[in-house]
Protein backbone atom coordinates (compact mmCIF):
# COMPACT_ATOMS: atom_id res chain seq x y z
CA UNK A 1 -37.48 122.95 -32.84
CA UNK A 2 -36.19 119.56 -33.89
CA UNK A 3 -32.50 118.99 -33.64
CA UNK A 4 -30.59 118.39 -36.90
CA UNK A 5 -29.14 114.89 -37.29
CA UNK A 6 -25.90 114.18 -39.08
CA UNK A 7 -23.94 111.04 -40.03
CA UNK A 8 -20.36 110.96 -38.66
CA UNK A 9 -19.44 107.32 -39.01
CA UNK A 10 -20.26 104.26 -41.20
CA UNK A 11 -19.37 100.56 -41.28
CA UNK A 12 -20.50 97.83 -43.62
CA UNK A 13 -20.20 94.06 -44.11
CA UNK A 14 -21.63 93.46 -47.53
CA UNK A 15 -21.59 90.48 -50.01
CA UNK A 16 -19.63 92.62 -52.47
CA UNK A 17 -17.34 94.36 -49.96
CA UNK A 18 -16.42 94.29 -46.30
CA UNK A 19 -15.45 97.79 -45.14
CA UNK A 20 -16.30 101.14 -46.66
CA UNK A 21 -13.44 101.33 -49.27
CA UNK A 22 -14.17 97.86 -50.70
CA UNK A 23 -18.01 98.44 -50.80
CA UNK A 24 -17.51 101.89 -52.42
CA UNK A 25 -15.38 100.35 -55.12
CA UNK A 26 -17.86 97.55 -55.72
CA UNK A 27 -20.95 99.73 -56.15
CA UNK A 28 -19.08 102.16 -58.38
CA UNK A 29 -18.02 99.45 -60.66
CA UNK A 30 -21.07 97.27 -60.59
CA UNK A 31 -19.30 94.31 -58.82
CA UNK A 32 -21.66 91.54 -57.77
CA UNK A 33 -21.36 89.64 -54.50
CA UNK A 34 -23.69 86.86 -55.54
CA UNK A 35 -22.09 83.36 -55.51
CA UNK A 36 -23.03 79.77 -56.16
CA UNK A 37 -23.52 77.83 -52.90
CA UNK A 38 -23.05 74.06 -53.42
CA UNK A 39 -24.81 73.34 -50.07
CA UNK A 40 -28.10 74.66 -51.35
CA UNK A 41 -27.92 72.39 -54.40
CA UNK A 42 -27.07 69.43 -52.08
CA UNK A 43 -30.16 70.34 -49.91
CA UNK A 44 -32.33 70.21 -53.08
CA UNK A 45 -33.23 73.93 -52.91
CA UNK A 46 -34.58 75.51 -56.10
CA UNK A 47 -32.23 78.45 -55.64
CA UNK A 48 -28.49 77.74 -55.44
CA UNK A 49 -27.11 81.31 -55.12
CA UNK A 50 -26.79 83.83 -52.38
CA UNK A 51 -25.02 87.06 -51.41
CA UNK A 52 -22.38 86.10 -48.89
CA UNK A 53 -19.76 88.45 -47.44
CA UNK A 54 -16.16 87.37 -47.64
CA UNK A 55 -15.88 87.59 -43.87
CA UNK A 56 -12.69 86.75 -41.96
CA UNK A 57 -13.85 85.37 -38.59
CA UNK A 58 -10.30 85.75 -37.13
CA UNK A 59 -10.64 89.58 -37.59
CA UNK A 60 -13.16 89.64 -34.72
CA UNK A 61 -10.24 89.55 -32.36
CA UNK A 62 -9.61 93.15 -33.27
CA UNK A 63 -13.07 94.08 -31.90
CA UNK A 64 -13.85 91.91 -28.88
CA UNK A 65 -12.08 90.20 -26.02
CA UNK A 66 -10.54 86.72 -26.26
CA UNK A 67 -13.20 85.38 -23.94
CA UNK A 68 -15.97 86.79 -26.10
CA UNK A 69 -14.34 85.69 -29.29
CA UNK A 70 -13.94 82.03 -28.24
CA UNK A 71 -17.51 81.85 -26.99
CA UNK A 72 -19.13 83.52 -30.04
CA UNK A 73 -20.90 81.24 -32.60
CA UNK A 74 -23.57 83.57 -34.00
CA UNK A 75 -22.62 84.84 -37.48
CA UNK A 76 -25.24 87.57 -37.44
CA UNK A 77 -23.75 88.92 -34.25
CA UNK A 78 -20.29 88.79 -35.75
CA UNK A 79 -21.47 90.77 -38.78
CA UNK A 80 -23.22 93.30 -36.52
CA UNK A 81 -20.28 93.76 -34.19
CA UNK A 82 -17.88 94.39 -37.09
CA UNK A 83 -20.08 96.94 -38.88
CA UNK A 84 -20.96 98.81 -35.68
CA UNK A 85 -17.47 99.05 -34.24
CA UNK A 86 -16.13 100.03 -37.66
CA UNK A 87 -18.69 102.84 -37.76
CA UNK A 88 -17.71 103.90 -34.27
CA UNK A 89 -14.04 104.07 -35.12
CA UNK A 90 -14.82 105.82 -38.42
CA UNK A 91 -16.52 108.52 -36.36
CA UNK A 92 -13.23 109.08 -34.56
CA UNK A 93 -14.48 107.67 -31.26
CA UNK A 94 -12.53 105.32 -28.93
CA UNK A 95 -13.92 101.91 -28.05
CA UNK A 96 -12.97 101.86 -24.35
CA UNK A 97 -14.62 103.88 -21.58
CA UNK A 98 -14.67 103.50 -17.80
CA UNK A 99 -18.15 105.08 -17.38
CA UNK A 100 -21.38 104.54 -19.33
CA UNK A 101 -21.79 106.89 -22.31
CA UNK A 102 -25.09 108.37 -21.09
CA UNK A 103 -25.49 110.55 -24.16
CA UNK A 104 -25.27 107.68 -26.57
CA UNK A 105 -27.73 104.87 -27.36
CA UNK A 106 -28.17 102.15 -29.89
CA UNK A 107 -30.92 100.87 -32.20
CA UNK A 108 -29.76 97.73 -34.04
CA UNK A 109 -32.07 95.35 -35.73
CA UNK A 110 -32.27 91.84 -37.02
CA UNK A 111 -34.97 89.41 -38.00
CA UNK A 112 -34.26 86.40 -35.91
CA UNK A 113 -31.54 84.93 -33.68
CA UNK A 114 -28.90 82.83 -35.43
CA UNK A 115 -30.82 79.57 -36.19
CA UNK A 116 -27.63 77.52 -36.45
CA UNK A 117 -26.78 78.65 -32.95
CA UNK A 118 -30.33 77.80 -31.86
CA UNK A 119 -30.04 74.38 -33.55
CA UNK A 120 -27.02 73.68 -31.33
CA UNK A 121 -29.19 74.31 -28.30
CA UNK A 122 -32.08 72.22 -29.49
CA UNK A 123 -29.83 69.24 -30.33
CA UNK A 124 -28.05 69.24 -27.02
CA UNK A 125 -31.31 69.67 -25.00
CA UNK A 126 -32.99 66.90 -26.93
CA UNK A 127 -29.95 64.67 -26.33
CA UNK A 128 -30.04 65.42 -22.55
CA UNK A 129 -26.71 67.32 -22.89
CA UNK A 130 -27.67 70.61 -21.35
CA UNK A 131 -24.46 70.77 -19.36
CA UNK A 132 -22.45 70.89 -22.58
CA UNK A 133 -24.08 74.11 -23.77
CA UNK A 134 -21.93 76.44 -21.76
CA UNK A 135 -22.65 79.85 -20.21
CA UNK A 136 -22.44 81.94 -23.39
CA UNK A 137 -25.29 80.40 -25.34
CA UNK A 138 -28.21 82.49 -24.09
CA UNK A 139 -26.86 85.80 -25.37
CA UNK A 140 -26.56 84.20 -28.87
CA UNK A 141 -30.07 82.80 -28.95
CA UNK A 142 -31.88 85.95 -27.74
CA UNK A 143 -33.09 88.37 -30.47
CA UNK A 144 -31.29 91.27 -28.73
CA UNK A 145 -27.97 89.51 -28.64
CA UNK A 146 -26.28 91.66 -31.29
CA UNK A 147 -27.44 94.89 -29.66
CA UNK A 148 -26.31 93.69 -26.21
CA UNK A 149 -22.87 92.80 -27.57
CA UNK A 150 -22.48 96.25 -29.31
CA UNK A 151 -23.74 98.36 -26.43
CA UNK A 152 -21.75 96.41 -23.89
CA UNK A 153 -18.49 96.68 -25.81
CA UNK A 154 -18.87 100.43 -26.17
CA UNK A 155 -20.54 101.23 -22.83
CA UNK A 156 -23.64 102.86 -24.36
CA UNK A 157 -25.84 104.27 -21.64
CA UNK A 158 -28.80 105.84 -23.40
CA UNK A 159 -31.70 103.92 -24.99
CA UNK A 160 -30.65 100.48 -26.29
CA UNK A 161 -33.24 98.94 -28.57
CA UNK A 162 -33.46 95.85 -30.81
CA UNK A 163 -35.96 96.43 -33.60
CA UNK A 164 -37.33 93.94 -36.05
CA UNK A 165 -39.70 94.80 -38.91
CA UNK A 166 -38.59 92.33 -41.61
CA UNK A 167 -37.10 94.06 -44.72
CA UNK A 168 -37.85 97.47 -43.22
CA UNK A 169 -35.67 96.84 -40.14
CA UNK A 170 -32.52 98.71 -41.28
CA UNK A 171 -34.25 101.87 -42.37
CA UNK A 172 -36.50 101.81 -39.35
CA UNK A 173 -33.45 101.57 -37.06
CA UNK A 174 -31.90 104.67 -38.66
CA UNK A 175 -35.22 106.52 -38.39
CA UNK A 176 -35.69 105.57 -34.76
CA UNK A 177 -32.18 106.80 -33.85
CA UNK A 178 -32.77 109.96 -35.83
CA UNK A 179 -36.04 110.69 -33.98
CA UNK A 180 -34.44 110.17 -30.57
CA UNK A 181 -31.82 112.79 -31.44
CA UNK A 182 -34.33 115.20 -33.02
CA UNK A 183 -36.43 115.10 -29.91
CA UNK A 184 -33.45 115.68 -27.61
CA UNK A 185 -33.56 112.23 -25.94
CA UNK A 186 -30.01 111.43 -27.04
CA UNK A 187 -26.93 113.28 -28.39
CA UNK A 188 -25.65 110.31 -30.37
CA UNK A 189 -27.10 107.01 -31.58
CA UNK A 190 -25.33 104.01 -33.06
CA UNK A 191 -27.83 102.50 -35.46
CA UNK A 192 -28.03 99.77 -38.12
CA UNK A 193 -29.01 96.11 -38.70
CA UNK A 194 -27.68 92.73 -39.66
CA UNK A 195 -28.78 89.48 -41.19
CA UNK A 196 -27.28 86.02 -41.59
CA UNK A 197 -29.14 83.77 -44.04
CA UNK A 198 -28.31 80.21 -43.00
CA UNK A 199 -29.73 77.20 -44.74
CA UNK A 200 -32.80 77.15 -42.41
CA UNK A 201 -33.79 80.67 -43.16
CA UNK A 202 -32.94 80.15 -46.82
CA UNK A 203 -35.05 77.06 -46.94
CA UNK A 204 -38.14 78.90 -45.61
CA UNK A 205 -37.97 81.43 -48.50
CA UNK A 206 -37.14 78.74 -51.04
CA UNK A 207 -40.31 76.88 -50.06
CA UNK A 208 -42.33 79.97 -50.95
CA UNK A 209 -40.92 79.86 -54.51
CA UNK A 210 -39.98 83.53 -54.30
CA UNK A 211 -36.28 83.07 -54.91
CA UNK A 212 -34.33 83.30 -58.18
CA UNK A 213 -33.84 79.86 -59.80
CA UNK A 214 -33.21 80.71 -63.48
CA UNK A 215 -29.61 81.69 -63.04
CA UNK A 216 -28.10 79.07 -60.77
CA UNK A 217 -25.25 78.60 -63.24
CA UNK A 218 -24.69 82.39 -63.63
CA UNK A 219 -24.80 83.75 -60.05
CA UNK A 220 -23.83 87.35 -60.89
CA UNK A 221 -26.83 87.61 -63.21
CA UNK A 222 -29.36 86.12 -60.78
CA UNK A 223 -30.47 89.36 -58.99
CA UNK A 224 -32.44 91.36 -61.61
CA UNK A 225 -34.47 94.27 -60.10
CA UNK A 226 -36.79 96.06 -62.59
CA UNK A 227 -35.85 93.53 -65.31
CA UNK A 228 -38.38 91.85 -67.65
CA UNK A 229 -36.53 88.62 -66.88
CA UNK A 230 -36.80 88.95 -63.14
CA UNK A 231 -37.18 85.57 -61.45
CA UNK A 232 -37.34 86.23 -57.75
CA UNK A 233 -35.01 87.61 -55.19
CA UNK A 234 -31.55 86.42 -54.16
CA UNK A 235 -31.04 86.15 -50.32
CA UNK A 236 -28.08 88.05 -48.94
CA UNK A 237 -26.34 88.44 -45.65
CA UNK A 238 -24.40 91.19 -43.93
CA UNK A 239 -24.68 94.27 -41.74
CA UNK A 240 -24.21 97.96 -41.76
CA UNK A 241 -24.13 100.70 -39.11
CA UNK A 242 -24.15 104.49 -38.73
CA UNK A 243 -23.12 106.87 -36.04
CA UNK A 244 -25.82 109.60 -35.91
CA UNK A 245 -25.21 112.78 -33.95
CA UNK A 246 -26.90 115.98 -32.97
CA UNK A 247 -25.31 118.56 -35.33
CA UNK A 248 -24.14 120.92 -32.57
CA UNK A 249 -22.76 117.97 -30.59
CA UNK A 250 -20.81 116.76 -33.66
CA UNK A 251 -19.49 120.29 -34.53
CA UNK A 252 -18.32 120.84 -30.93
CA UNK A 253 -16.00 117.80 -31.13
CA UNK A 254 -14.87 118.64 -34.67
CA UNK A 255 -16.38 115.53 -36.20
CA UNK A 256 -16.24 114.85 -39.92
CA UNK A 257 -19.82 114.92 -41.33
CA UNK A 258 -20.78 112.60 -44.18
CA UNK A 259 -24.37 113.73 -44.74
CA UNK A 260 -27.55 114.71 -42.96
CA UNK A 261 -30.72 112.69 -42.21
CA UNK A 262 -33.52 115.15 -42.82
CA UNK A 263 -36.25 112.79 -41.56
CA UNK A 264 -38.49 110.03 -42.65
CA UNK A 265 -41.60 108.06 -42.04
CA UNK A 266 -42.51 104.52 -40.85
CA UNK A 267 -45.99 103.03 -41.21
CA UNK A 268 -48.05 100.01 -42.06
CA UNK A 269 -50.67 99.38 -44.66
CA UNK A 270 -52.60 97.39 -42.03
CA UNK A 271 -52.79 94.39 -44.41
CA UNK A 272 -55.87 96.05 -45.92
CA UNK A 273 -56.50 97.43 -49.41
CA UNK A 274 -54.49 94.73 -51.17
CA UNK A 275 -51.86 94.52 -48.43
CA UNK A 276 -51.14 91.08 -46.99
CA UNK A 277 -48.47 89.42 -44.86
CA UNK A 278 -46.27 89.34 -47.94
CA UNK A 279 -47.47 92.24 -50.09
CA UNK A 280 -47.75 95.93 -49.29
CA UNK A 281 -50.91 97.99 -49.38
CA UNK A 282 -50.06 100.56 -52.14
CA UNK A 283 -51.86 103.28 -50.15
CA UNK A 284 -49.50 102.62 -47.21
CA UNK A 285 -46.43 102.84 -49.43
CA UNK A 286 -47.44 106.12 -51.14
CA UNK A 287 -48.46 107.57 -47.77
CA UNK A 288 -45.10 106.59 -46.21
CA UNK A 289 -43.13 108.27 -49.04
CA UNK A 290 -45.29 111.37 -49.00
CA UNK A 291 -45.04 111.79 -45.20
CA UNK A 292 -41.30 111.21 -45.27
CA UNK A 293 -40.98 114.10 -47.74
CA UNK A 294 -43.30 116.30 -45.62
CA UNK A 295 -41.52 115.47 -42.37
CA UNK A 296 -38.18 116.27 -43.98
CA UNK A 297 -39.21 119.75 -45.11
CA UNK A 298 -38.51 119.16 -48.75
CA UNK A 299 -40.55 118.93 -51.95
CA UNK A 300 -40.85 115.90 -54.24
CA UNK A 301 -39.09 117.75 -57.05
CA UNK A 302 -36.01 118.12 -54.75
CA UNK A 303 -35.30 114.37 -54.85
CA UNK A 304 -32.28 113.60 -57.12
CA UNK A 305 -32.16 109.90 -56.63
CA UNK A 306 -34.47 107.07 -55.47
CA UNK A 307 -32.75 104.09 -53.75
CA UNK A 308 -35.68 101.67 -54.09
CA UNK A 309 -36.62 98.47 -52.29
CA UNK A 310 -36.83 96.83 -55.77
CA UNK A 311 -36.26 93.12 -55.03
CA UNK A 312 -36.46 91.53 -58.55
CA UNK A 313 -40.02 90.23 -58.07
CA UNK A 314 -43.35 91.23 -59.59
CA UNK A 315 -43.64 93.80 -56.84
CA UNK A 316 -41.04 96.01 -58.58
CA UNK A 317 -43.58 97.43 -61.06
CA UNK A 318 -46.09 98.23 -58.26
CA UNK A 319 -43.33 99.93 -56.25
CA UNK A 320 -42.43 102.17 -59.12
CA UNK A 321 -46.08 103.07 -59.65
CA UNK A 322 -46.28 104.01 -55.94
CA UNK A 323 -43.18 106.22 -56.20
CA UNK A 324 -44.65 107.95 -59.26
CA UNK A 325 -47.93 108.56 -57.49
CA UNK A 326 -46.33 109.75 -54.26
CA UNK A 327 -43.86 112.10 -56.05
CA UNK A 328 -46.20 113.25 -58.85
CA UNK A 329 -43.32 112.58 -61.21
CA UNK A 330 -43.10 110.25 -64.26
CA UNK A 331 -41.43 109.80 -67.63
CA UNK A 332 -38.15 111.78 -67.99
CA UNK A 333 -39.14 113.84 -64.93
CA UNK A 334 -38.87 110.75 -62.72
CA UNK A 335 -35.74 110.76 -60.40
CA UNK A 336 -32.82 108.53 -61.24
CA UNK A 337 -33.50 105.21 -59.63
CA UNK A 338 -31.31 102.32 -58.56
CA UNK A 339 -31.29 99.20 -56.50
CA UNK A 340 -28.19 97.88 -54.67
CA UNK A 341 -29.86 94.48 -54.65
CA UNK A 342 -28.75 93.96 -58.21
CA UNK A 343 -25.25 93.53 -56.79
CA UNK A 344 -25.79 92.08 -53.29
CA UNK A 345 -29.18 90.45 -53.38
CA UNK A 346 -31.83 91.08 -50.76
CA UNK A 347 -30.15 91.17 -47.31
CA UNK A 348 -33.57 91.15 -45.57
CA UNK A 349 -33.26 92.92 -42.20
CA UNK A 350 -29.78 94.20 -43.18
CA UNK A 351 -30.99 95.57 -46.61
CA UNK A 352 -32.02 99.05 -45.40
CA UNK A 353 -28.80 99.74 -43.55
CA UNK A 354 -26.45 98.40 -46.26
CA UNK A 355 -28.43 100.26 -48.95
CA UNK A 356 -28.31 103.43 -46.82
CA UNK A 357 -24.54 103.29 -46.76
CA UNK A 358 -24.66 103.19 -50.53
CA UNK A 359 -26.92 106.27 -50.49
CA UNK A 360 -24.52 108.28 -48.38
CA UNK A 361 -21.54 107.23 -50.42
CA UNK A 362 -23.26 108.42 -53.62
CA UNK A 363 -23.91 111.85 -51.93
CA UNK A 364 -20.31 112.16 -50.62
CA UNK A 365 -18.58 111.02 -53.84
CA UNK A 366 -21.03 112.46 -56.38
CA UNK A 367 -22.20 109.44 -58.42
CA UNK A 368 -25.11 107.20 -59.14
CA UNK A 369 -24.28 103.53 -58.99
CA UNK A 370 -25.51 101.29 -61.84
CA UNK A 371 -28.30 98.81 -61.88
CA UNK A 372 -26.52 95.70 -63.12
CA UNK A 373 -28.53 93.00 -64.99
CA UNK A 374 -31.00 95.61 -66.36
CA UNK A 375 -30.35 95.09 -70.07
CA UNK A 376 -34.12 94.32 -70.46
CA UNK A 377 -36.20 96.78 -68.38
CA UNK A 378 -39.69 95.66 -67.44
CA UNK A 379 -42.08 97.24 -70.05
CA UNK A 380 -44.64 97.90 -67.35
CA UNK A 381 -42.03 100.05 -65.52
CA UNK A 382 -41.11 101.86 -68.75
CA UNK A 383 -44.75 102.82 -69.05
CA UNK A 384 -44.17 104.94 -65.97
CA UNK A 385 -40.46 105.80 -66.05
CA UNK A 386 -38.19 106.79 -68.94
CA UNK A 387 -35.42 104.31 -69.46
CA UNK A 388 -32.78 107.01 -68.96
CA UNK A 389 -33.83 107.23 -65.35
CA UNK A 390 -32.65 103.67 -64.73
CA UNK A 391 -28.84 103.79 -65.14
CA UNK A 392 -26.96 100.71 -66.18
CA UNK A 393 -23.57 102.26 -65.75
CA UNK A 394 -22.15 104.60 -63.15
CA UNK A 395 -23.10 108.30 -63.68
CA UNK A 396 -20.88 111.02 -62.18
CA UNK A 397 -23.31 113.58 -60.82
CA UNK A 398 -23.84 115.84 -57.80
CA UNK A 399 -26.54 114.26 -55.58
CA UNK A 400 -28.07 116.43 -53.01
CA UNK A 401 -31.04 114.54 -51.81
CA UNK A 402 -31.85 110.79 -51.83
CA UNK A 403 -35.06 109.03 -50.91
CA UNK A 404 -34.48 105.55 -49.53
CA UNK A 405 -37.24 103.12 -48.82
CA UNK A 406 -37.86 99.58 -47.76
CA UNK A 407 -41.08 97.58 -47.58
CA UNK A 408 -41.24 94.43 -45.41
CA UNK A 409 -43.31 91.35 -44.81
CA UNK A 410 -46.22 92.17 -42.40
CA UNK A 411 -47.01 95.18 -44.68
CA UNK A 412 -44.62 97.49 -42.93
CA UNK A 413 -42.93 100.45 -44.66
CA UNK A 414 -40.10 102.91 -43.99
CA UNK A 415 -38.72 105.79 -46.00
CA UNK A 416 -35.71 108.00 -45.17
CA UNK A 417 -34.50 111.28 -46.74
CA UNK A 418 -30.75 111.77 -46.83
CA UNK A 419 -29.20 115.08 -47.86
CA UNK A 420 -25.76 116.55 -48.59
CA UNK A 421 -24.69 118.37 -45.44
CA UNK A 422 -24.91 122.16 -45.65
CA UNK A 423 -24.11 124.10 -42.50
């Protein structure tokens, strides 16, 4: 019989709040973290706004040694360390250990190494200045850098994995950690993901003309999931992390339990049936949602809230259609649905983990956060879903089960089912 998996710790670095209290306040009150970035205008980008955490670099000294602090340049790694160690402390666990924690592993994802750190290497190598690079550069240019920093700081001795599946990375990391515990391979897993959108990554998306460019002078209005006036997504940066534990293991140490991960599903549409490198195969999406529900032992009618991928692109209407098909629910019978991206933009590899923190907070505190910038719902979405299912202000309501999904470039999908904990 599969082990039950519970959440005992959380940490977040989000464009609209660093730390759980700040993030909770922001999503309850519809506070945006989207800001104007002069640099993107100077670089002649079409989009001049982004979701950027108000991150205090000096605070890293509270998490890592002086030697590590002074050698660290990778912003993605800094975000990940902060979120992961905050989650660890939130779970009531000490940082220091003399022996490896054999029962605990880590799955932490990102899309790419920090390209600004990589640029530093390229410039020095091309200028024949290799000796100026220093001994700490390799760990910041390898894709597994953030996972290595986290697992090394905490002495994690079980499976340590860096995953990368584009926008599905965060949800997949949580699912992988959940499955390791369910199967008995680990007692505890530290899971999550991070993303730092520097000007180079930003530029690649800007060149695709998929970013918002209609609201450069009104940053907080720029991210508009499910809106008729959508204009592309807004890139965001940040990280989030969870401590997942075997239920019996958590109860034995008297841990506080936030919620339960019932299960989920990850798959690919195979870039067939309409699926491409940048668009999901609808059959893969509906199958992912349906199998997540089946694997979690619930029914579609049990779902109180959908936390969608919903990026503020033309794909939003297709996503809603896939949810309706997978759940067999529409109109007023459709679950309440929201997208954190309306407040923080699309944090790419970090999206799933940050949005999952929002899911758990809604379960714990009994509310549904608003979809900001949804004064004009897409009529094609309203053909499927009643407008009352798309809240534009916070709703106080008991939430028992949330379906959270993300769909990434490469036609990869992941869906999780979170539940209120009931012993």
